[in-house]
């Protein structure tokens, strides 16, 4: 079939006609990155690059929850879990706005149901591989993670590591100025305590966390050890190569601590812990027991979190009441 000649147009004319009829196009500008992003950080051997602040975070363990709340990040939280004791009063109102996923650790299914893009664990047990919550498992589900640096495989955490923890969380969530403000105040608190204790003779300290057949105590690898040192004490189990571990009662007797620091948490009360120590005939000649010298700290004061600067001062007052 032959088309009428008037219907045919030269190819060049057709292209020109179509171009003239097409709607003008506008080039879409690339999305502008949030200030400070992308941000890359290595945490306990895991390297992560954040293109923007996480928007749906879940915290596992109280002390990391309080880090988030101290930085005013409650609106970034879609879930939290596992209190060791009462949340700090200053953060209680903000904490009450965050859904509690479980009394202790939530299941993997409960974590995924919250649809988080970030999970922050305080202890290594928060990322239990056998429970399906390993960091690799969560990464495969598209969820970034962070473990509090006290529980990184290497190193002994210090107050400087606390400042780094807060700074890196501040950077990750796009609030670096808030982090630096907190760090400045914390440094001032620690410095004031150190100045007050200038020249004191350290007292020997045994931490009693729990235990009957053995003593579960603070070792030399946790922030609790530095807390004792900065408060004018000397941890008699600083040679224990972990944050917490078991010691024999014979070792407690042999090391003759002058003060027992009781960690307060859980269903066993401070008074019950004191009585257990006072009733043990094997401990009767330990100076701390003989002189009934006890100090008390909530467990959440003794891990790498925002309570540490005030806890140094609190313990110093108990170890050196005349200073």
Foldseek 3Di string as FASTA:
>chain_A
DDDPPVPDDDPVVVVVVVVVPDDDDDDDDDDDFFPLPQDWDAALNDIDTDSAAWQEEEEAEQQVVVLCQLLVNLNSYQEYEEYFDDHPPVRVVSVVVHHYQYPHAHAPVSVVVSVGQEYEYEEPVNQDVVRQRHQVSVVVVNHHYHYQRLHRPDDADEVVSLLVSSQVSCSNRVNNVSSVVLVVVLVVLLVVQQVVCPPPAAFEEWEAADDDQWGKTAEQRFHLQNLSVSLRYHYLRPVPPHGIDTDGVVSQQVSQGQEYEYAAGDDQGPVNVLVSQLPDPSNCPRNCNVVVQYHYDHPSCRHSHSNVSVSSNRVSCSRPVVD
